[in-house]
Amino acid sequence: MEAVPLQDFVRALDPASLPRVLRVCSGVYFEGSIYEISGNECCLSTGDLIKVTQVHLQKVVCENPGTGQTMELTPSFQGYFTALTSPQSYGTLEELVSATTWSSKQLPIYFTSTHRIITEARVVTEDELLIFEAVEMHLKTRCARCVLGLGNQQVILHLPLSQKGPFWTWEPSAPQTLLQVLQDPALEDLVLTCPTLPWNFLVLRPQYEIQAIMHMRRTIVRIPSTLEVDVEDVTASSQHFHFIKPLLLSEVLARGGPFPLSVEILEVPEGPPIFLGPWAGSLRKGQRLCIHGLASPPWRLLASSKGRKVPRHFMVSGAYRGRLRRRPREFPTVYDLLGAFQPGQPLRVVATKDCEGETENSEFTSLSVGDRLEVLESGQTYRAQGGDTDVLVCQRLSDQTGEEDCEEEAKCQEQILLPLYFPGSFVEEMNDSRRYSLADLTAQFSLPCEVKVVAKDTSHPTDPLASFLGLQLEEKITEPFLVVSLDSEPGTCFEIPPWWLDLTIVEVEGQPGRPAGPLPVATVEELTDAFYYRLRKLPACGIQPPPPRPPKSQGLSGQRKQSGQDGDVKSSQVLERQEPPLLPKPKAKTLPESTKDSLNMYSKIPVNKGLRPTKSKTQDADDDEHDYEEILEHFQKTL
C-alpha cells in the first residue's frame, strides 16, 4: 500500500477492520521530538509503527466552498444533507427546460448560474441554488417558476426562458443524516446542501481521534487525524511484530494477578534508596524478577533501635516469629505521659529527676527522684492569676510494694496536678516478664511500645533485632507489599512496596520457578534514614506535636527585688500597674489522637491546698538564693 495522508486513511478506514498497523513514512516536524497533543504526549518518528485500535469522531468542520467560511458541527447534529452530483452546463434557461422535457426528468430540477441575475424581487448571486418547478406565463411572458433559498426563507422568482447562462444542473440524492453522509465513501468531498444551515453549498471535513498503541509506551496514544503525517498500512507484513507495553508494579498490584509473573525491569525510580538489604542493589535495568503475589500478613511495624548513639531503623513484617519482652517506656515530659495514657489502662511511672514546682502557683507540686505516680486523667484547672491550664491528674503512691501494705498505701495516696509543660522525667513502672509474639503485642498494647527481643526469628538466621538492648515499635504500616525474587536466585525472596518503589517493568516469556514449600521471605528489612523520616512525616504516622510552652514568670530574683523595694514610691507604682503573668492555654488539637476521648471529658479541678510539702533539698536551695539576694542588696546600698 502506498503512503497516504493520515486524514485520508482514517476517512477511508472501515472500523470493522481494526486493529490496523501503520508505519510513519514522512511529515514529522522534528524527528524523535515529543509533542503534547490534547494533553497526551505523542512521539512520532519516521519508521515508527502504530497499532490503531479505535477511531472516534470528534467533530465535523462545515466549509462554504465559495467563501471559505467554516463552522463546527457536533456528531449529534440532527439536520439532513443532500448531495449534488452529475453537473451539466446549458447556455440559456430555455435549453435547460428543453433538455429536462426531452430526457423526461422529474421536477424539480436544481441548477445554479455562473453570473448574477437581476430580478424585480432580488438579485441572484453566483452559485446560489435555484429550484426549477414549472413553466408558466408571467406578465404575458413564458417564464420558469423557480424557488430561491432553502427552508423557511424561500423566494419565488419568475425567470424568462430567454435568460442567458451558462447554467449548471445538479442531480440531488436522497436526504441523509450527518453520520450516513460520512460513512458513504461515494459522497466524500462532494458538494452538499442542508436546509437547516445558512449556506446553499457546503463541504464536510470530519476530524477524528485515533487511539493507538506504540512500542514501549505504557499508555494509550491519542493522535488527531489532522496531524500532517503520511502513513502506510503494513498490517499484513507485521503479524510477527509484538508491541511491548510497559507496566508499573502498582498496576500489577491493582489488577491482582495472575501470579507468579515473570517480568524484566525497564526503569528504576530516581531518588535515594529505600532499603539497605543486599537485594536492593540488584534492582537495576535488565534484571529479571519473579512476582509471587501479595505479602501476608498485610501489615508491618516501624522499629528503631535503642541504646546506641546512632539509631537504626527497620520495617518488621507481621510474620516475624521472634519473641519479645516489654521494656519500661521513658517519658521526658508530662506531655509525653499524656500521649501514652489510655483511659481504662493503668499507667504507673517513677520520677527519675528532681523537678521543682512553681512558687507563684502552689497548686502545682514538686517531684523528687523515686516518686511513684499513677496517671488518672487529664483535665483543666483555674489559676488564681486567671485563665485555664491543661493538667494531668496523677496519684502519688507510697514506696510500699508488698501486698500486706495495700491498705496503708491507700491512706497515703494523694492526688497531684502536673501541668503539661512540666519538664519532668519519668520511667514506666512495669512487672511484666511474659514473652509476646509481635501480633499479640500489638493487639494488647498501644504504640509506641518499647521491647527487647529475647528469642530471634529462627527463619531469619541473621536477625539483627536480637543484638539491640531495646527496640521502640513506633507505627503500624498497612501499605500492600508484593513478594518478589530474583530470577537468578529463586530461593531468596523479599518484599517490595509498589507505592514507594514503583518499578517500570515488562512481562517476559518463560515459566517462573517457585521453590517448594512456603516462600522464604525476610521478615526484617533495614531502612535508610531518608526513607524512614519520610515515612514518619506521613499523616498516618501521627507524629506527636511538641508540648506547650511554659508560662513566662518573673523568677525568684525578680520577686526578691520587689519585696526589698517596698519603700520606693515610684517603683511600687510601677509594680502596681503590672499584670500577673498568664498561662497560655494549649489548643486541644495539638494533643495526640489517643487522648481525644479523655480530653472531651474535661472537668474543672479545684486547687488542691493540701499539697505535699517540698523536700528539704528544695528548701535549702531557696535559702541559698535568699542569702544571695541579701548580700546583693547590701552591696548596692554600700555603693
Foldseek 3Di string as FASTA:
>chain_A
DDWDALLVCVLPDDLVPDFFKKFFADDDPDAQDWDQDPNRIDHHHHGFIKTFHDKFFAWKWKADVVPRDIDIGGPPDDWWKKFWDDKDKDFFLLVVVVVCVVVVPDDWWKKFFQAWDQDPVGIHGGPFIKIFGDWDADPNATFTWIWGAADPPIDTDTHGRRGTGTMMITDIDDIDDPVVLSNDPVNAQTWMATRVDPDGTIHMRIKMWTWIAGAAEQDTDIDISPRGTIMDTPRVVCPVPDRFHKDKPVVCQVVFDDPFFKWFFQDWDDDDFWFPDPCSVVPDGGFIKTFGGWDPPQKWWWKWFPDDPDIFIKIFFLPFDFKKFFDKDKDQFVLVVLQQDFPPDKWKKFFQAWFQDDPQFVLAHTDHGGWIKIWHFWAWAATPLGDIFIWTKIKTFDPDDDPVCPVVRVVPIDIGIGTRQGRTIIITDDDTPDIDRPVVVVVPGPPFTKIAGPGGRPLAPPRPRNVGPMMTGQAMDRQIWIWMDGQVCQLEIEIDRCVVTITIITTDDDDGDHDPDDRSYDRMTITDPVNVVVVCPDVRSQDQDDTDHFWDAPDPLSVVVVVVPPVPPVVVVVVVPDRHTDGDYDDPVNRTPSRVVRHVVHDYDYRDPPDDDDDPVVVVVVVVVNVVSVVVVVVVVVD
